[in-house]
C-alpha atoms as a PDB file:
ATOM      1  CA  MET A   1    -166.493 -91.313-277.034  1.00  0.00           C
ATOM      2  CA  VAL A   2    -168.277 -90.774-280.622  1.00  0.00           C
ATOM      3  CA  THR A   3    -169.167 -93.964-282.182  1.00  0.00           C
ATOM      4  CA  LEU A   4    -169.398 -93.685-285.847  1.00  0.00           C
ATOM      5  CA  THR A   5    -171.160 -96.086-288.150  1.00  0.00           C
ATOM      6  CA  GLN A   6    -169.512 -97.238-291.429  1.00  0.00           C
ATOM      7  CA  GLN A   7    -171.819 -95.195-293.470  1.00  0.00           C
ATOM      8  CA  GLU A   8    -171.080 -91.988-291.662  1.00  0.00           C
ATOM      9  CA  VAL A   9    -167.313 -92.691-292.020  1.00  0.00           C
ATOM     10  CA  GLU A  10    -167.758 -93.153-295.679  1.00  0.00           C
ATOM     11  CA  ARG A  11    -169.717 -90.030-296.016  1.00  0.00           C
ATOM     12  CA  ARG A  12    -167.286 -87.971-294.272  1.00  0.00           C
ATOM     13  CA  LEU A  13    -164.354 -89.470-296.298  1.00  0.00           C
ATOM     14  CA  ASN A  14    -166.050 -88.359-299.561  1.00  0.00           C
ATOM     15  CA  THR A  15    -165.192 -84.766-298.607  1.00  0.00           C
ATOM     16  CA  VAL A  16    -161.481 -85.129-299.259  1.00  0.00           C
ATOM     17  CA  PRO A  17    -159.608 -86.179-302.503  1.00  0.00           C
ATOM     18  CA  CYS A  18    -157.951 -89.463-303.095  1.00  0.00           C
ATOM     19  CA  ALA A  19    -154.089 -89.216-302.901  1.00  0.00           C
ATOM     20  CA  ILE A  20    -153.711 -90.854-306.264  1.00  0.00           C
ATOM     21  CA  CYS A  21    -156.671 -90.111-308.539  1.00  0.00           C
ATOM     22  CA  LYS A  22    -157.901 -86.934-306.770  1.00  0.00           C
ATOM     23  CA  GLN A  23    -161.526 -88.148-306.834  1.00  0.00           C
ATOM     24  CA  SER A  24    -163.779 -88.409-303.757  1.00  0.00           C
ATOM     25  CA  SER A  25    -165.583 -91.716-303.857  1.00  0.00           C
ATOM     26  CA  PHE A  26    -164.519 -93.907-300.908  1.00  0.00           C
ATOM     27  CA  ALA A  27    -165.760 -97.001-299.069  1.00  0.00           C
ATOM     28  CA  ILE A  28    -164.731 -98.806-295.957  1.00  0.00           C
ATOM     29  CA  ASP A  29    -163.199-102.271-296.668  1.00  0.00           C
ATOM     30  CA  GLU A  30    -165.367-104.376-294.311  1.00  0.00           C
ATOM     31  CA  ARG A  31    -162.738-107.184-294.293  1.00  0.00           C
ATOM     32  CA  PHE A  32    -160.461-104.751-292.292  1.00  0.00           C
ATOM     33  CA  MET A  33    -162.824-103.340-289.782  1.00  0.00           C
ATOM     34  CA  GLY A  34    -161.076-104.000-286.534  1.00  0.00           C
ATOM     35  CA  ALA A  35    -162.731-103.790-283.256  1.00  0.00           C
ATOM     36  CA  ASP A  36    -159.916-101.457-282.130  1.00  0.00           C
ATOM     37  CA  GLY A  37    -161.052 -98.670-284.568  1.00  0.00           C
ATOM     38  CA  ASP A  38    -158.448 -99.290-287.154  1.00  0.00           C
ATOM     39  CA  TRP A  39    -160.200 -99.618-290.530  1.00  0.00           C
ATOM     40  CA  ARG A  40    -159.092 -99.496-294.209  1.00  0.00           C
ATOM     41  CA  GLY A  41    -160.536 -97.155-296.440  1.00  0.00           C
ATOM     42  CA  ILE A  42    -160.607 -97.611-300.248  1.00  0.00           C
ATOM     43  CA  CYS A  43    -161.039 -95.450-303.216  1.00  0.00           C
ATOM     44  CA  LYS A  44    -163.842 -96.716-305.552  1.00  0.00           C
ATOM     45  CA  LYS A  45    -162.191 -95.179-308.612  1.00  0.00           C
ATOM     46  CA  CYS A  46    -158.482 -96.353-308.370  1.00  0.00           C
ATOM     47  CA  PHE A  47    -158.754 -98.900-305.546  1.00  0.00           C
ATOM     48  CA  TYR A  48    -155.925 -97.180-303.530  1.00  0.00           C
ATOM     49  CA  THR A  49    -156.312 -98.263-299.786  1.00  0.00           C
ATOM     50  CA  PHE A  50    -155.263 -96.190-296.688  1.00  0.00           C
ATOM     51  CA  PRO A  51    -155.761 -96.228-292.888  1.00  0.00           C
ATOM     52  CA  VAL A  52    -158.843 -94.853-291.173  1.00  0.00           C
ATOM     53  CA  TYR A  53    -158.779 -94.443-287.518  1.00  0.00           C
ATOM     54  CA  THR A  54    -162.038 -94.283-285.408  1.00  0.00           C
ATOM     55  CA  ASP A  55    -160.817 -94.797-281.842  1.00  0.00           C
ATOM     56  CA  MET A  56    -160.030 -91.051-281.018  1.00  0.00           C
ATOM     57  CA  GLU A  57    -160.160 -91.494-277.313  1.00  0.00           C
ATOM     58  CA  PHE A  58    -156.980 -93.808-277.405  1.00  0.00           C
ATOM     59  CA  TYR A  59    -155.383 -91.372-279.800  1.00  0.00           C
ATOM     60  CA  LEU A  60    -156.061 -88.472-277.775  1.00  0.00           C
ATOM     61  CA  ARG A  61    -154.484 -90.053-274.667  1.00  0.00           C
ATOM     62  CA  THR A  62    -151.333 -91.121-276.546  1.00  0.00           C
ATOM     63  CA  GLN A  63    -150.698 -87.998-278.485  1.00  0.00           C
ATOM     64  CA  PRO A  64    -150.187 -85.108-276.123  1.00  0.00           C
ATOM     65  CA  ASP A  65    -150.012 -82.461-278.747  1.00  0.00           C
ATOM     66  CA  ILE A  66    -153.175 -83.294-280.416  1.00  0.00           C
ATOM     67  CA  PRO A  67    -155.659 -81.922-277.755  1.00  0.00           C
ATOM     68  CA  PHE A  68    -153.802 -78.512-278.009  1.00  0.00           C
ATOM     69  CA  ARG A  69    -154.183 -78.328-281.733  1.00  0.00           C
ATOM     70  CA  LEU A  70    -157.720 -79.058-281.657  1.00  0.00           C
ATOM     71  CA  LYS A  71    -158.473 -76.202-279.169  1.00  0.00           C
ATOM     72  CA  GLU A  72    -156.877 -73.903-281.845  1.00  0.00           C
ATOM     73  CA  ILE A  73    -158.822 -75.001-284.854  1.00  0.00           C
ATOM     74  CA  SER A  74    -161.564 -72.436-285.973  1.00  0.00           C
ATOM     75  CA  CYS A  75    -164.861 -73.438-287.215  1.00  0.00           C
ATOM     76  CA  THR A  76    -165.328 -72.774-291.008  1.00  0.00           C
ATOM     77  CA  ALA A  77    -168.997 -71.496-290.347  1.00  0.00           C
ATOM     78  CA  CYS A  78    -169.118 -69.725-287.024  1.00  0.00           C
ATOM     79  CA  ASN A  79    -165.391 -69.170-286.354  1.00  0.00           C
ATOM     80  CA  HIS A  80    -165.679 -70.730-282.911  1.00  0.00           C
ATOM     81  CA  ARG A  81    -162.253 -72.102-281.629  1.00  0.00           C
ATOM     82  CA  GLY A  82    -162.207 -75.764-280.492  1.00  0.00           C
ATOM     83  CA  VAL A  83    -163.410 -78.947-282.185  1.00  0.00           C
ATOM     84  CA  ASN A  84    -163.991 -82.478-281.199  1.00  0.00           C
ATOM     85  CA  LEU A  85    -161.873 -84.992-283.178  1.00  0.00           C
ATOM     86  CA  ASP A  86    -164.448 -87.776-284.644  1.00  0.00           C
ATOM     87  CA  LEU A  87    -161.974 -89.803-286.864  1.00  0.00           C
ATOM     88  CA  ARG A  88    -158.682 -89.301-288.934  1.00  0.00           C
ATOM     89  CA  ALA A  89    -157.477 -90.867-292.068  1.00  0.00           C
ATOM     90  CA  THR A  90    -153.904 -90.881-293.428  1.00  0.00           C
ATOM     91  CA  LEU A  91    -154.376 -90.959-297.392  1.00  0.00           C
ATOM     92  CA  SER A  92    -150.608 -90.570-297.979  1.00  0.00           C
ATOM     93  CA  VAL A  93    -147.316 -89.672-296.337  1.00  0.00           C
ATOM     94  CA  ARG A  94    -148.254 -86.013-297.151  1.00  0.00           C
ATOM     95  CA  ASP A  95    -151.992 -86.213-296.687  1.00  0.00           C
ATOM     96  CA  ALA A  96    -153.435 -86.769-293.217  1.00  0.00           C
ATOM     97  CA  TYR A  97    -157.052 -85.378-292.309  1.00  0.00           C
ATOM     98  CA  TYR A  98    -158.828 -84.880-289.166  1.00  0.00           C
ATOM     99  CA  PHE A  99    -162.589 -85.081-289.348  1.00  0.00           C
ATOM    100  CA  VAL A 100    -163.853 -82.774-286.678  1.00  0.00           C
ATOM    101  CA  THR A 101    -166.929 -81.164-285.329  1.00  0.00           C
ATOM    102  CA  CYS A 102    -167.279 -77.700-284.044  1.00  0.00           C
ATOM    103  CA  GLN A 103    -167.983 -77.442-280.238  1.00  0.00           C
ATOM    104  CA  GLY A 104    -170.034 -74.379-280.840  1.00  0.00           C
ATOM    105  CA  CYS A 105    -172.389 -75.000-283.793  1.00  0.00           C
ATOM    106  CA  GLN A 106    -171.981 -78.767-284.235  1.00  0.00           C
ATOM    107  CA  ARG A 107    -170.750 -78.284-287.836  1.00  0.00           C
ATOM    108  CA  GLN A 108    -168.647 -81.242-289.341  1.00  0.00           C
ATOM    109  CA  PHE A 109    -165.852 -80.417-291.481  1.00  0.00           C
ATOM    110  CA  VAL A 110    -162.276 -81.627-292.525  1.00  0.00           C
ATOM    111  CA  GLU A 111    -159.100 -80.021-291.140  1.00  0.00           C
ATOM    112  CA  ARG A 112    -155.817 -81.089-292.884  1.00  0.00           C
ATOM    113  CA  SER A 113    -153.287 -82.373-290.237  1.00  0.00           C
ATOM    114  CA  SER A 114    -149.880 -80.615-290.149  1.00  0.00           C
ATOM    115  CA  LEU A 115    -148.831 -82.957-287.371  1.00  0.00           C
ATOM    116  CA  GLU A 116    -148.944 -86.298-289.077  1.00  0.00           C
ATOM    117  CA  ALA A 117    -147.866 -85.682-292.619  1.00  0.00           C
ATOM    118  CA  PHE A 118    -144.181 -86.563-293.329  1.00  0.00           C
ATOM    119  CA  GLU A 119    -142.267 -84.309-295.667  1.00  0.00           C
END
């Protein structure tokens, strides 16, 4: 299991836009950093809050479709198929993101989730 620091999670969150103001400046609200991996992200510009999940081991065990989806994701750098899920964030009911690492070249990138967004 990958254990991410608060700073690493904040750095990776800064690669996606806020659902409200479209800026990319986030922090983790330390008051809501649960030991179970359920954290709360906050936009530094408009103060919008959203859930951030860091316990991917539990998530992968309880969501049977996700491992199959991760095997199909291609790396944006080397085109290798297959990634490891590091964390996920649900910025709104239409914007859920997987923060992944390529199994081939170890590049970290963001994949928009089509499985968690509700239309």
